[in-house]
Amino acid sequence: MANELILVVEDNDHSRKLVRDVLKFKGYQIIEAETGEDGVRLALERLPSLVLMDIRLPGMDGIEALGQLRAEETTRTIPVLAMTASVMTEHRQKIMDAGFDAFQSKPINVKEFVAAVEQLLDRRRA
């Protein structure tokens, strides 16, 4: 079911545009942040259905931002998908151990990315 609000927290303009364009094409509403701090603030204000979080961000990184989202009752259950260019096994394990709901490597494979987004939203609806 499209038209759900998705927060994209990504500091790279190219990556953010690609994600935005793909998700808008699929019918989702998008809000964007370039820093972890802004991502947390927007999540608290707008309560999106899903957060797509880059791990390497200026200032607060994605893992710390996730911790803040999980610490707040209003955002605790929002699924958060980690996005990172680091695909080393130990980094992926650290990311998943931090409490992310899913992992997507960058550059994204559009088909796999959309499937991951839809799976997380389906799980939230259930």
PDB file of N, CA and C in Angstrom:
ATOM      1  N   MET A   1       0.853  -1.173   0.000  1.00  0.00           N
ATOM      2  CA  MET A   1       0.000   0.000   0.000  1.00  0.00           C
ATOM      3  C   MET A   1       0.898   1.234   0.000  1.00  0.00           C
ATOM      4  N   ALA A   2       0.833   1.972  -1.042  1.00  0.00           N
ATOM      5  CA  ALA A   2       1.666   3.165  -1.159  1.00  0.00           C
ATOM      6  C   ALA A   2       1.029   4.318  -0.384  1.00  0.00           C
ATOM      7  N   ASN A   3       1.552   5.494  -0.554  1.00  0.00           N
ATOM      8  CA  ASN A   3       1.117   6.728   0.090  1.00  0.00           C
ATOM      9  C   ASN A   3       1.565   6.816   1.544  1.00  0.00           C
ATOM     10  N   GLU A   4       2.336   5.862   2.023  1.00  0.00           N
ATOM     11  CA  GLU A   4       2.858   5.944   3.381  1.00  0.00           C
ATOM     12  C   GLU A   4       4.036   6.910   3.407  1.00  0.00           C
ATOM     13  N   LEU A   5       4.282   7.486   4.570  1.00  0.00           N
ATOM     14  CA  LEU A   5       5.355   8.462   4.737  1.00  0.00           C
ATOM     15  C   LEU A   5       6.650   7.749   5.103  1.00  0.00           C
ATOM     16  N   ILE A   6       7.698   8.015   4.327  1.00  0.00           N
ATOM     17  CA  ILE A   6       9.015   7.429   4.570  1.00  0.00           C
ATOM     18  C   ILE A   6      10.017   8.563   4.772  1.00  0.00           C
ATOM     19  N   LEU A   7      10.791   8.447   5.842  1.00  0.00           N
ATOM     20  CA  LEU A   7      11.855   9.400   6.137  1.00  0.00           C
ATOM     21  C   LEU A   7      13.166   8.845   5.610  1.00  0.00           C
ATOM     22  N   VAL A   8      13.838   9.615   4.767  1.00  0.00           N
ATOM     23  CA  VAL A   8      15.137   9.243   4.213  1.00  0.00           C
ATOM     24  C   VAL A   8      16.195  10.118   4.883  1.00  0.00           C
ATOM     25  N   VAL A   9      17.113   9.476   5.624  1.00  0.00           N
ATOM     26  CA  VAL A   9      18.199  10.195   6.285  1.00  0.00           C
ATOM     27  C   VAL A   9      19.480   9.822   5.562  1.00  0.00           C
ATOM     28  N   GLU A  10      19.953  10.719   4.714  1.00  0.00           N
ATOM     29  CA  GLU A  10      21.088  10.443   3.822  1.00  0.00           C
ATOM     30  C   GLU A  10      21.786  11.752   3.495  1.00  0.00           C
ATOM     31  N   ASP A  11      23.097  11.805   3.697  1.00  0.00           N
ATOM     32  CA  ASP A  11      23.822  13.050   3.436  1.00  0.00           C
ATOM     33  C   ASP A  11      24.325  13.179   2.007  1.00  0.00           C
ATOM     34  N   ASN A  12      24.349  12.091   1.253  1.00  0.00           N
ATOM     35  CA  ASN A  12      24.831  12.128  -0.124  1.00  0.00           C
ATOM     36  C   ASN A  12      23.673  12.504  -1.055  1.00  0.00           C
ATOM     37  N   ASP A  13      23.820  13.637  -1.748  1.00  0.00           N
ATOM     38  CA  ASP A  13      22.749  14.137  -2.615  1.00  0.00           C
ATOM     39  C   ASP A  13      22.319  13.114  -3.663  1.00  0.00           C
ATOM     40  N   HIS A  14      23.295  12.471  -4.307  1.00  0.00           N
ATOM     41  CA  HIS A  14      22.988  11.509  -5.374  1.00  0.00           C
ATOM     42  C   HIS A  14      22.195  10.319  -4.819  1.00  0.00           C
ATOM     43  N   SER A  15      22.664   9.767  -3.709  1.00  0.00           N
ATOM     44  CA  SER A  15      21.971   8.622  -3.102  1.00  0.00           C
ATOM     45  C   SER A  15      20.566   9.004  -2.650  1.00  0.00           C
ATOM     46  N   ARG A  16      20.443  10.175  -2.036  1.00  0.00           N
ATOM     47  CA  ARG A  16      19.143  10.642  -1.558  1.00  0.00           C
ATOM     48  C   ARG A  16      18.176  10.839  -2.720  1.00  0.00           C
ATOM     49  N   LYS A  17      18.657  11.410  -3.822  1.00  0.00           N
ATOM     50  CA  LYS A  17      17.799  11.628  -4.995  1.00  0.00           C
ATOM     51  C   LYS A  17      17.338  10.299  -5.587  1.00  0.00           C
ATOM     52  N   LEU A  18      18.240   9.334  -5.695  1.00  0.00           N
ATOM     53  CA  LEU A  18      17.869   8.028  -6.245  1.00  0.00           C
ATOM     54  C   LEU A  18      16.782   7.381  -5.388  1.00  0.00           C
ATOM     55  N   VAL A  19      16.991   7.356  -4.081  1.00  0.00           N
ATOM     56  CA  VAL A  19      16.019   6.759  -3.166  1.00  0.00           C
ATOM     57  C   VAL A  19      14.687   7.503  -3.267  1.00  0.00           C
ATOM     58  N   ARG A  20      14.745   8.831  -3.256  1.00  0.00           N
ATOM     59  CA  ARG A  20      13.527   9.645  -3.360  1.00  0.00           C
ATOM     60  C   ARG A  20      12.773   9.333  -4.649  1.00  0.00           C
ATOM     61  N   ASP A  21      13.491   9.325  -5.771  1.00  0.00           N
ATOM     62  CA  ASP A  21      12.839   9.099  -7.064  1.00  0.00           C
ATOM     63  C   ASP A  21      12.194   7.716  -7.146  1.00  0.00           C
ATOM     64  N   VAL A  22      12.896   6.706  -6.662  1.00  0.00           N
ATOM     65  CA  VAL A  22      12.366   5.338  -6.694  1.00  0.00           C
ATOM     66  C   VAL A  22      11.115   5.233  -5.837  1.00  0.00           C
ATOM     67  N   LEU A  23      11.170   5.775  -4.628  1.00  0.00           N
ATOM     68  CA  LEU A  23      10.036   5.654  -3.716  1.00  0.00           C
ATOM     69  C   LEU A  23       8.845   6.505  -4.154  1.00  0.00           C
ATOM     70  N   LYS A  24       9.105   7.692  -4.690  1.00  0.00           N
ATOM     71  CA  LYS A  24       8.001   8.513  -5.189  1.00  0.00           C
ATOM     72  C   LYS A  24       7.329   7.828  -6.377  1.00  0.00           C
ATOM     73  N   PHE A  25       8.125   7.190  -7.238  1.00  0.00           N
ATOM     74  CA  PHE A  25       7.573   6.454  -8.372  1.00  0.00           C
ATOM     75  C   PHE A  25       6.640   5.349  -7.887  1.00  0.00           C
ATOM     76  N   LYS A  26       6.974   4.764  -6.739  1.00  0.00           N
ATOM     77  CA  LYS A  26       6.146   3.694  -6.156  1.00  0.00           C
ATOM     78  C   LYS A  26       4.957   4.239  -5.368  1.00  0.00           C
ATOM     79  N   GLY A  27       4.856   5.569  -5.261  1.00  0.00           N
ATOM     80  CA  GLY A  27       3.687   6.182  -4.634  1.00  0.00           C
ATOM     81  C   GLY A  27       3.833   6.563  -3.171  1.00  0.00           C
ATOM     82  N   TYR A  28       5.053   6.506  -2.648  1.00  0.00           N
ATOM     83  CA  TYR A  28       5.263   6.864  -1.245  1.00  0.00           C
ATOM     84  C   TYR A  28       5.489   8.362  -1.099  1.00  0.00           C
ATOM     85  N   GLN A  29       5.136   8.895   0.066  1.00  0.00           N
ATOM     86  CA  GLN A  29       5.458  10.266   0.421  1.00  0.00           C
ATOM     87  C   GLN A  29       6.834  10.247   1.082  1.00  0.00           C
ATOM     88  N   ILE A  30       7.657  11.222   0.769  1.00  0.00           N
ATOM     89  CA  ILE A  30       9.035  11.240   1.250  1.00  0.00           C
ATOM     90  C   ILE A  30       9.319  12.535   1.986  1.00  0.00           C
ATOM     91  N   ILE A  31       9.993  12.404   3.131  1.00  0.00           N
ATOM     92  CA  ILE A  31      10.600  13.546   3.802  1.00  0.00           C
ATOM     93  C   ILE A  31      12.076  13.206   3.947  1.00  0.00           C
ATOM     94  N   GLU A  32      12.921  14.223   3.973  1.00  0.00           N
ATOM     95  CA  GLU A  32      14.358  13.989   3.920  1.00  0.00           C
ATOM     96  C   GLU A  32      15.121  14.754   4.983  1.00  0.00           C
ATOM     97  N   ALA A  33      16.217  14.143   5.412  1.00  0.00           N
ATOM     98  CA  ALA A  33      17.148  14.791   6.334  1.00  0.00           C
ATOM     99  C   ALA A  33      18.556  14.424   5.888  1.00  0.00           C
ATOM    100  N   GLU A  34      19.492  15.345   6.131  1.00  0.00           N
ATOM    101  CA  GLU A  34      20.887  15.111   5.752  1.00  0.00           C
ATOM    102  C   GLU A  34      21.765  14.760   6.941  1.00  0.00           C
ATOM    103  N   THR A  35      21.243  14.887   8.163  1.00  0.00           N
ATOM    104  CA  THR A  35      22.022  14.573   9.364  1.00  0.00           C
ATOM    105  C   THR A  35      21.202  13.682  10.288  1.00  0.00           C
ATOM    106  N   GLY A  36      21.899  12.985  11.174  1.00  0.00           N
ATOM    107  CA  GLY A  36      21.204  12.166  12.158  1.00  0.00           C
ATOM    108  C   GLY A  36      20.326  12.997  13.071  1.00  0.00           C
ATOM    109  N   GLU A  37      20.827  14.154  13.464  1.00  0.00           N
ATOM    110  CA  GLU A  37      20.063  15.042  14.347  1.00  0.00           C
ATOM    111  C   GLU A  37      18.741  15.451  13.695  1.00  0.00           C
ATOM    112  N   ASP A  38      18.813  15.876  12.417  1.00  0.00           N
ATOM    113  CA  ASP A  38      17.595  16.276  11.706  1.00  0.00           C
ATOM    114  C   ASP A  38      16.671  15.083  11.479  1.00  0.00           C
ATOM    115  N   GLY A  39      17.262  13.912  11.250  1.00  0.00           N
ATOM    116  CA  GLY A  39      16.457  12.710  11.067  1.00  0.00           C
ATOM    117  C   GLY A  39      15.661  12.370  12.313  1.00  0.00           C
ATOM    118  N   VAL A  40      16.296  12.427  13.463  1.00  0.00           N
ATOM    119  CA  VAL A  40      15.609  12.147  14.723  1.00  0.00           C
ATOM    120  C   VAL A  40      14.502  13.176  14.949  1.00  0.00           C
ATOM    121  N   ARG A  41      14.816  14.450  14.722  1.00  0.00           N
ATOM    122  CA  ARG A  41      13.822  15.512  14.913  1.00  0.00           C
ATOM    123  C   ARG A  41      12.606  15.296  14.001  1.00  0.00           C
ATOM    124  N   LEU A  42      12.862  15.011  12.721  1.00  0.00           N
ATOM    125  CA  LEU A  42      11.757  14.800  11.781  1.00  0.00           C
ATOM    126  C   LEU A  42      10.942  13.560  12.140  1.00  0.00           C
ATOM    127  N   ALA A  43      11.611  12.508  12.569  1.00  0.00           N
ATOM    128  CA  ALA A  43      10.894  11.286  12.954  1.00  0.00           C
ATOM    129  C   ALA A  43       9.969  11.564  14.136  1.00  0.00           C
ATOM    130  N   LEU A  44      10.447  12.324  15.105  1.00  0.00           N
ATOM    131  CA  LEU A  44       9.629  12.659  16.271  1.00  0.00           C
ATOM    132  C   LEU A  44       8.449  13.563  15.894  1.00  0.00           C
ATOM    133  N   GLU A  45       8.673  14.474  14.954  1.00  0.00           N
ATOM    134  CA  GLU A  45       7.630  15.413  14.542  1.00  0.00           C
ATOM    135  C   GLU A  45       6.584  14.764  13.636  1.00  0.00           C
ATOM    136  N   ARG A  46       7.044  13.942  12.688  1.00  0.00           N
ATOM    137  CA  ARG A  46       6.158  13.453  11.625  1.00  0.00           C
ATOM    138  C   ARG A  46       5.736  11.992  11.754  1.00  0.00           C
ATOM    139  N   LEU A  47       6.424  11.211  12.598  1.00  0.00           N
ATOM    140  CA  LEU A  47       6.114   9.799  12.826  1.00  0.00           C
ATOM    141  C   LEU A  47       5.920   9.024  11.513  1.00  0.00           C
ATOM    142  N   PRO A  48       6.978   8.895  10.732  1.00  0.00           N
ATOM    143  CA  PRO A  48       6.869   8.174   9.457  1.00  0.00           C
ATOM    144  C   PRO A  48       6.588   6.684   9.662  1.00  0.00           C
ATOM    145  N   SER A  49       6.149   6.035   8.605  1.00  0.00           N
ATOM    146  CA  SER A  49       5.897   4.593   8.642  1.00  0.00           C
ATOM    147  C   SER A  49       7.200   3.804   8.588  1.00  0.00           C
ATOM    148  N   LEU A  50       8.249   4.428   8.052  1.00  0.00           N
ATOM    149  CA  LEU A  50       9.539   3.766   7.874  1.00  0.00           C
ATOM    150  C   LEU A  50      10.629   4.831   7.834  1.00  0.00           C
ATOM    151  N   VAL A  51      11.811   4.477   8.371  1.00  0.00           N
ATOM    152  CA  VAL A  51      12.980   5.352   8.283  1.00  0.00           C
ATOM    153  C   VAL A  51      14.070   4.600   7.534  1.00  0.00           C
ATOM    154  N   LEU A  52      14.643   5.253   6.537  1.00  0.00           N
ATOM    155  CA  LEU A  52      15.806   4.732   5.819  1.00  0.00           C
ATOM    156  C   LEU A  52      16.995   5.539   6.303  1.00  0.00           C
ATOM    157  N   MET A  53      17.942   4.872   6.978  1.00  0.00           N
ATOM    158  CA  MET A  53      19.006   5.570   7.688  1.00  0.00           C
ATOM    159  C   MET A  53      20.384   5.194   7.151  1.00  0.00           C
ATOM    160  N   ASP A  54      21.080   6.195   6.617  1.00  0.00           N
ATOM    161  CA  ASP A  54      22.482   6.005   6.272  1.00  0.00           C
ATOM    162  C   ASP A  54      23.246   5.822   7.586  1.00  0.00           C
ATOM    163  N   ILE A  55      24.308   5.060   7.557  1.00  0.00           N
ATOM    164  CA  ILE A  55      25.087   4.835   8.773  1.00  0.00           C
ATOM    165  C   ILE A  55      26.109   5.946   8.977  1.00  0.00           C
ATOM    166  N   ARG A  56      26.806   6.311   7.924  1.00  0.00           N
ATOM    167  CA  ARG A  56      27.828   7.365   8.027  1.00  0.00           C
ATOM    168  C   ARG A  56      27.208   8.711   7.692  1.00  0.00           C
ATOM    169  N   LEU A  57      26.981   9.477   8.742  1.00  0.00           N
ATOM    170  CA  LEU A  57      26.379  10.799   8.604  1.00  0.00           C
ATOM    171  C   LEU A  57      27.255  11.815   9.313  1.00  0.00           C
ATOM    172  N   PRO A  58      27.197  13.071   8.887  1.00  0.00           N
ATOM    173  CA  PRO A  58      27.944  14.099   9.623  1.00  0.00           C
ATOM    174  C   PRO A  58      27.334  14.288  11.005  1.00  0.00           C
ATOM    175  N   GLY A  59      28.161  14.510  11.997  1.00  0.00           N
ATOM    176  CA  GLY A  59      27.659  14.658  13.361  1.00  0.00           C
ATOM    177  C   GLY A  59      27.265  13.306  13.915  1.00  0.00           C
ATOM    178  N   MET A  60      26.031  13.191  14.322  1.00  0.00           N
ATOM    179  CA  MET A  60      25.504  11.940  14.867  1.00  0.00           C
ATOM    180  C   MET A  60      25.397  10.889  13.754  1.00  0.00           C
ATOM    181  N   ASP A  61      26.011   9.710  13.964  1.00  0.00           N
ATOM    182  CA  ASP A  61      25.918   8.682  12.929  1.00  0.00           C
ATOM    183  C   ASP A  61      24.577   7.949  13.024  1.00  0.00           C
ATOM    184  N   GLY A  62      24.327   7.083  12.064  1.00  0.00           N
ATOM    185  CA  GLY A  62      23.050   6.379  11.986  1.00  0.00           C
ATOM    186  C   GLY A  62      22.782   5.463  13.162  1.00  0.00           C
ATOM    187  N   ILE A  63      23.824   4.861  13.719  1.00  0.00           N
ATOM    188  CA  ILE A  63      23.630   3.967  14.866  1.00  0.00           C
ATOM    189  C   ILE A  63      23.185   4.763  16.094  1.00  0.00           C
ATOM    190  N   GLU A  64      23.809   5.911  16.313  1.00  0.00           N
ATOM    191  CA  GLU A  64      23.406   6.757  17.438  1.00  0.00           C
ATOM    192  C   GLU A  64      21.994   7.306  17.228  1.00  0.00           C
ATOM    193  N   ALA A  65      21.675   7.690  15.998  1.00  0.00           N
ATOM    194  CA  ALA A  65      20.324   8.189  15.702  1.00  0.00           C
ATOM    195  C   ALA A  65      19.291   7.098  15.959  1.00  0.00           C
ATOM    196  N   LEU A  66      19.606   5.866  15.569  1.00  0.00           N
ATOM    197  CA  LEU A  66      18.697   4.751  15.836  1.00  0.00           C
ATOM    198  C   LEU A  66      18.480   4.602  17.338  1.00  0.00           C
ATOM    199  N   GLY A  67      19.547   4.709  18.119  1.00  0.00           N
ATOM    200  CA  GLY A  67      19.426   4.611  19.566  1.00  0.00           C
ATOM    201  C   GLY A  67      18.464   5.642  20.124  1.00  0.00           C
ATOM    202  N   GLN A  68      18.536   6.862  19.598  1.00  0.00           N
ATOM    203  CA  GLN A  68      17.627   7.909  20.066  1.00  0.00           C
ATOM    204  C   GLN A  68      16.183   7.613  19.667  1.00  0.00           C
ATOM    205  N   LEU A  69      15.993   7.081  18.454  1.00  0.00           N
ATOM    206  CA  LEU A  69      14.637   6.731  18.019  1.00  0.00           C
ATOM    207  C   LEU A  69      14.061   5.606  18.872  1.00  0.00           C
ATOM    208  N   ARG A  70      14.885   4.629  19.210  1.00  0.00           N
ATOM    209  CA  ARG A  70      14.425   3.493  20.022  1.00  0.00           C
ATOM    210  C   ARG A  70      14.170   3.899  21.476  1.00  0.00           C
ATOM    211  N   ALA A  71      14.804   4.983  21.919  1.00  0.00           N
ATOM    212  CA  ALA A  71      14.641   5.450  23.294  1.00  0.00           C
ATOM    213  C   ALA A  71      13.332   6.218  23.501  1.00  0.00           C
ATOM    214  N   GLU A  72      12.731   6.672  22.423  1.00  0.00           N
ATOM    215  CA  GLU A  72      11.489   7.452  22.500  1.00  0.00           C
ATOM    216  C   GLU A  72      10.284   6.544  22.259  1.00  0.00           C
ATOM    217  N   GLU A  73       9.299   6.648  23.136  1.00  0.00           N
ATOM    218  CA  GLU A  73       8.126   5.789  22.996  1.00  0.00           C
ATOM    219  C   GLU A  73       7.412   5.968  21.658  1.00  0.00           C
ATOM    220  N   THR A  74       7.340   7.194  21.163  1.00  0.00           N
ATOM    221  CA  THR A  74       6.583   7.455  19.925  1.00  0.00           C
ATOM    222  C   THR A  74       7.276   6.921  18.674  1.00  0.00           C
ATOM    223  N   THR A  75       8.591   6.731  18.725  1.00  0.00           N
ATOM    224  CA  THR A  75       9.318   6.266  17.538  1.00  0.00           C
ATOM    225  C   THR A  75       9.922   4.871  17.715  1.00  0.00           C
ATOM    226  N   ARG A  76       9.749   4.280  18.878  1.00  0.00           N
ATOM    227  CA  ARG A  76      10.383   3.001  19.215  1.00  0.00           C
ATOM    228  C   ARG A  76      10.052   1.892  18.225  1.00  0.00           C
ATOM    229  N   THR A  77       8.826   1.855  17.740  1.00  0.00           N
ATOM    230  CA  THR A  77       8.399   0.741  16.886  1.00  0.00           C
ATOM    231  C   THR A  77       8.474   1.030  15.390  1.00  0.00           C
ATOM    232  N   ILE A  78       8.924   2.227  15.028  1.00  0.00           N
ATOM    233  CA  ILE A  78       9.065   2.530  13.600  1.00  0.00           C
ATOM    234  C   ILE A  78      10.210   1.680  13.046  1.00  0.00           C
ATOM    235  N   PRO A  79       9.966   0.912  11.977  1.00  0.00           N
ATOM    236  CA  PRO A  79      11.066   0.140  11.401  1.00  0.00           C
ATOM    237  C   PRO A  79      12.119   1.066  10.791  1.00  0.00           C
ATOM    238  N   VAL A  80      13.381   0.671  10.963  1.00  0.00           N
ATOM    239  CA  VAL A  80      14.494   1.465  10.433  1.00  0.00           C
ATOM    240  C   VAL A  80      15.394   0.549   9.612  1.00  0.00           C
ATOM    241  N   LEU A  81      15.569   0.900   8.353  1.00  0.00           N
ATOM    242  CA  LEU A  81      16.420   0.165   7.435  1.00  0.00           C
ATOM    243  C   LEU A  81      17.763   0.879   7.336  1.00  0.00           C
ATOM    244  N   ALA A  82      18.838   0.164   7.631  1.00  0.00           N
ATOM    245  CA  ALA A  82      20.181   0.729   7.542  1.00  0.00           C
ATOM    246  C   ALA A  82      20.651   0.703   6.096  1.00  0.00           C
ATOM    247  N   MET A  83      21.259   1.802   5.660  1.00  0.00           N
ATOM    248  CA  MET A  83      21.842   1.866   4.325  1.00  0.00           C
ATOM    249  C   MET A  83      23.302   2.275   4.462  1.00  0.00           C
ATOM    250  N   THR A  84      24.191   1.468   3.882  1.00  0.00           N
ATOM    251  CA  THR A  84      25.603   1.802   3.977  1.00  0.00           C
ATOM    252  C   THR A  84      26.378   1.215   2.812  1.00  0.00           C
ATOM    253  N   ALA A  85      27.481   1.880   2.485  1.00  0.00           N
ATOM    254  CA  ALA A  85      28.369   1.373   1.439  1.00  0.00           C
ATOM    255  C   ALA A  85      29.306   0.314   1.998  1.00  0.00           C
ATOM    256  N   SER A  86      29.391   0.203   3.325  1.00  0.00           N
ATOM    257  CA  SER A  86      30.265  -0.786   3.949  1.00  0.00           C
ATOM    258  C   SER A  86      29.564  -2.137   3.964  1.00  0.00           C
ATOM    259  N   VAL A  87      30.106  -3.086   3.218  1.00  0.00           N
ATOM    260  CA  VAL A  87      29.471  -4.401   3.130  1.00  0.00           C
ATOM    261  C   VAL A  87      30.299  -5.484   3.824  1.00  0.00           C
ATOM    262  N   MET A  88      31.317  -5.066   4.588  1.00  0.00           N
ATOM    263  CA  MET A  88      32.121  -6.044   5.297  1.00  0.00           C
ATOM    264  C   MET A  88      31.252  -6.734   6.349  1.00  0.00           C
ATOM    265  N   THR A  89      31.440  -8.033   6.501  1.00  0.00           N
ATOM    266  CA  THR A  89      30.601  -8.838   7.388  1.00  0.00           C
ATOM    267  C   THR A  89      30.551  -8.293   8.807  1.00  0.00           C
ATOM    268  N   GLU A  90      31.708  -7.895   9.355  1.00  0.00           N
ATOM    269  CA  GLU A  90      31.706  -7.409  10.739  1.00  0.00           C
ATOM    270  C   GLU A  90      30.947  -6.091  10.878  1.00  0.00           C
ATOM    271  N   HIS A  91      30.991  -5.234   9.853  1.00  0.00           N
ATOM    272  CA  HIS A  91      30.223  -3.983   9.906  1.00  0.00           C
ATOM    273  C   HIS A  91      28.732  -4.273   9.832  1.00  0.00           C
ATOM    274  N   ARG A  92      28.364  -5.189   8.949  1.00  0.00           N
ATOM    275  CA  ARG A  92      26.950  -5.548   8.813  1.00  0.00           C
ATOM    276  C   ARG A  92      26.434  -6.135  10.124  1.00  0.00           C
ATOM    277  N   GLN A  93      27.224  -6.975  10.767  1.00  0.00           N
ATOM    278  CA  GLN A  93      26.809  -7.581  12.031  1.00  0.00           C
ATOM    279  C   GLN A  93      26.640  -6.511  13.112  1.00  0.00           C
ATOM    280  N   LYS A  94      27.564  -5.543  13.168  1.00  0.00           N
ATOM    281  CA  LYS A  94      27.479  -4.455  14.143  1.00  0.00           C
ATOM    282  C   LYS A  94      26.204  -3.647  13.917  1.00  0.00           C
ATOM    283  N   ILE A  95      25.879  -3.405  12.666  1.00  0.00           N
ATOM    284  CA  ILE A  95      24.679  -2.643  12.316  1.00  0.00           C
ATOM    285  C   ILE A  95      23.425  -3.393  12.759  1.00  0.00           C
ATOM    286  N   MET A  96      23.364  -4.676  12.461  1.00  0.00           N
ATOM    287  CA  MET A  96      22.185  -5.453  12.833  1.00  0.00           C
ATOM    288  C   MET A  96      22.096  -5.621  14.351  1.00  0.00           C
ATOM    289  N   ASP A  97      23.242  -5.771  15.015  1.00  0.00           N
ATOM    290  CA  ASP A  97      23.254  -5.882  16.477  1.00  0.00           C
ATOM    291  C   ASP A  97      22.764  -4.594  17.145  1.00  0.00           C
ATOM    292  N   ALA A  98      22.914  -3.461  16.451  1.00  0.00           N
ATOM    293  CA  ALA A  98      22.468  -2.175  16.997  1.00  0.00           C
ATOM    294  C   ALA A  98      20.943  -2.085  17.050  1.00  0.00           C
ATOM    295  N   GLY A  99      20.251  -2.948  16.307  1.00  0.00           N
ATOM    296  CA  GLY A  99      18.797  -2.960  16.372  1.00  0.00           C
ATOM    297  C   GLY A  99      18.071  -2.524  15.115  1.00  0.00           C
ATOM    298  N   PHE A 100      18.796  -2.391  14.009  1.00  0.00           N
ATOM    299  CA  PHE A 100      18.120  -2.063  12.750  1.00  0.00           C
ATOM    300  C   PHE A 100      17.232  -3.232  12.332  1.00  0.00           C
ATOM    301  N   ASP A 101      16.179  -2.931  11.607  1.00  0.00           N
ATOM    302  CA  ASP A 101      15.232  -3.963  11.178  1.00  0.00           C
ATOM    303  C   ASP A 101      15.665  -4.653   9.895  1.00  0.00           C
ATOM    304  N   ALA A 102      16.505  -3.991   9.113  1.00  0.00           N
ATOM    305  CA  ALA A 102      16.993  -4.561   7.861  1.00  0.00           C
ATOM    306  C   ALA A 102      18.231  -3.790   7.435  1.00  0.00           C
ATOM    307  N   PHE A 103      18.889  -4.304   6.421  1.00  0.00           N
ATOM    308  CA  PHE A 103      20.157  -3.758   5.941  1.00  0.00           C
ATOM    309  C   PHE A 103      20.100  -3.685   4.425  1.00  0.00           C
ATOM    310  N   GLN A 104      20.554  -2.583   3.872  1.00  0.00           N
ATOM    311  CA  GLN A 104      20.629  -2.424   2.420  1.00  0.00           C
ATOM    312  C   GLN A 104      21.984  -1.846   2.071  1.00  0.00           C
ATOM    313  N   SER A 105      22.727  -2.544   1.223  1.00  0.00           N
ATOM    314  CA  SER A 105      24.031  -2.022   0.832  1.00  0.00           C
ATOM    315  C   SER A 105      23.859  -0.990  -0.278  1.00  0.00           C
ATOM    316  N   LYS A 106      24.822  -0.065  -0.345  1.00  0.00           N
ATOM    317  CA  LYS A 106      24.846   0.963  -1.394  1.00  0.00           C
ATOM    318  C   LYS A 106      26.063   0.714  -2.262  1.00  0.00           C
ATOM    319  N   PRO A 107      25.994   0.992  -3.536  1.00  0.00           N
ATOM    320  CA  PRO A 107      24.821   1.549  -4.212  1.00  0.00           C
ATOM    321  C   PRO A 107      23.672   0.534  -4.221  1.00  0.00           C
ATOM    322  N   ILE A 108      22.459   1.053  -4.159  1.00  0.00           N
ATOM    323  CA  ILE A 108      21.311   0.164  -4.035  1.00  0.00           C
ATOM    324  C   ILE A 108      21.016  -0.554  -5.347  1.00  0.00           C
ATOM    325  N   ASN A 109      20.546  -1.764  -5.200  1.00  0.00           N
ATOM    326  CA  ASN A 109      19.929  -2.506  -6.293  1.00  0.00           C
ATOM    327  C   ASN A 109      18.446  -2.161  -6.175  1.00  0.00           C
ATOM    328  N   VAL A 110      17.897  -1.480  -7.159  1.00  0.00           N
ATOM    329  CA  VAL A 110      16.549  -0.920  -7.044  1.00  0.00           C
ATOM    330  C   VAL A 110      15.509  -1.994  -6.717  1.00  0.00           C
ATOM    331  N   LYS A 111      15.573  -3.111  -7.387  1.00  0.00           N
ATOM    332  CA  LYS A 111      14.588  -4.180  -7.169  1.00  0.00           C
ATOM    333  C   LYS A 111      14.670  -4.714  -5.730  1.00  0.00           C
ATOM    334  N   GLU A 112      15.876  -4.976  -5.247  1.00  0.00           N
ATOM    335  CA  GLU A 112      16.059  -5.469  -3.877  1.00  0.00           C
ATOM    336  C   GLU A 112      15.672  -4.404  -2.856  1.00  0.00           C
ATOM    337  N   PHE A 113      15.998  -3.163  -3.159  1.00  0.00           N
ATOM    338  CA  PHE A 113      15.672  -2.051  -2.266  1.00  0.00           C
ATOM    339  C   PHE A 113      14.164  -1.913  -2.094  1.00  0.00           C
ATOM    340  N   VAL A 114      13.434  -1.892  -3.194  1.00  0.00           N
ATOM    341  CA  VAL A 114      11.975  -1.763  -3.132  1.00  0.00           C
ATOM    342  C   VAL A 114      11.370  -2.955  -2.394  1.00  0.00           C
ATOM    343  N   ALA A 115      11.887  -4.147  -2.631  1.00  0.00           N
ATOM    344  CA  ALA A 115      11.381  -5.337  -1.934  1.00  0.00           C
ATOM    345  C   ALA A 115      11.608  -5.218  -0.427  1.00  0.00           C
ATOM    346  N   ALA A 116      12.771  -4.716  -0.019  1.00  0.00           N
ATOM    347  CA  ALA A 116      13.073  -4.549   1.409  1.00  0.00           C
ATOM    348  C   ALA A 116      12.138  -3.519   2.039  1.00  0.00           C
ATOM    349  N   VAL A 117      11.911  -2.414   1.358  1.00  0.00           N
ATOM    350  CA  VAL A 117      11.002  -1.374   1.852  1.00  0.00           C
ATOM    351  C   VAL A 117       9.598  -1.949   2.011  1.00  0.00           C
ATOM    352  N   GLU A 118       9.115  -2.630   0.988  1.00  0.00           N
ATOM    353  CA  GLU A 118       7.763  -3.178   1.036  1.00  0.00           C
ATOM    354  C   GLU A 118       7.626  -4.238   2.126  1.00  0.00           C
ATOM    355  N   GLN A 119       8.660  -5.043   2.316  1.00  0.00           N
ATOM    356  CA  GLN A 119       8.624  -6.071   3.355  1.00  0.00           C
ATOM    357  C   GLN A 119       8.528  -5.440   4.750  1.00  0.00           C
ATOM    358  N   LEU A 120       9.319  -4.399   5.002  1.00  0.00           N
ATOM    359  CA  LEU A 120       9.268  -3.728   6.302  1.00  0.00           C
ATOM    360  C   LEU A 120       7.917  -3.058   6.532  1.00  0.00           C
ATOM    361  N   LEU A 121       7.356  -2.446   5.506  1.00  0.00           N
ATOM    362  CA  LEU A 121       6.046  -1.804   5.653  1.00  0.00           C
ATOM    363  C   LEU A 121       4.952  -2.845   5.850  1.00  0.00           C
ATOM    364  N   ASP A 122       5.037  -3.960   5.147  1.00  0.00           N
ATOM    365  CA  ASP A 122       4.058  -5.045   5.328  1.00  0.00           C
ATOM    366  C   ASP A 122       4.108  -5.579   6.756  1.00  0.00           C
ATOM    367  N   ARG A 123       5.330  -5.757   7.272  1.00  0.00           N
ATOM    368  CA  ARG A 123       5.505  -6.255   8.631  1.00  0.00           C
ATOM    369  C   ARG A 123       4.906  -5.268   9.648  1.00  0.00           C
ATOM    370  N   ARG A 124       5.086  -3.984   9.390  1.00  0.00           N
ATOM    371  CA  ARG A 124       4.551  -2.969  10.313  1.00  0.00           C
ATOM    372  C   ARG A 124       3.020  -2.980  10.298  1.00  0.00           C
ATOM    373  N   ARG A 125       2.444  -3.184   9.124  1.00  0.00           N
ATOM    374  CA  ARG A 125       0.976  -3.200   9.001  1.00  0.00           C
ATOM    375  C   ARG A 125       0.367  -4.405   9.695  1.00  0.00           C
ATOM    376  N   ALA A 126       1.097  -5.518   9.727  1.00  0.00           N
ATOM    377  CA  ALA A 126       0.545  -6.789  10.269  1.00  0.00           C
ATOM    378  C   ALA A 126       0.363  -6.757  11.764  1.00  0.00           C
TER     379      ALA A 126
END
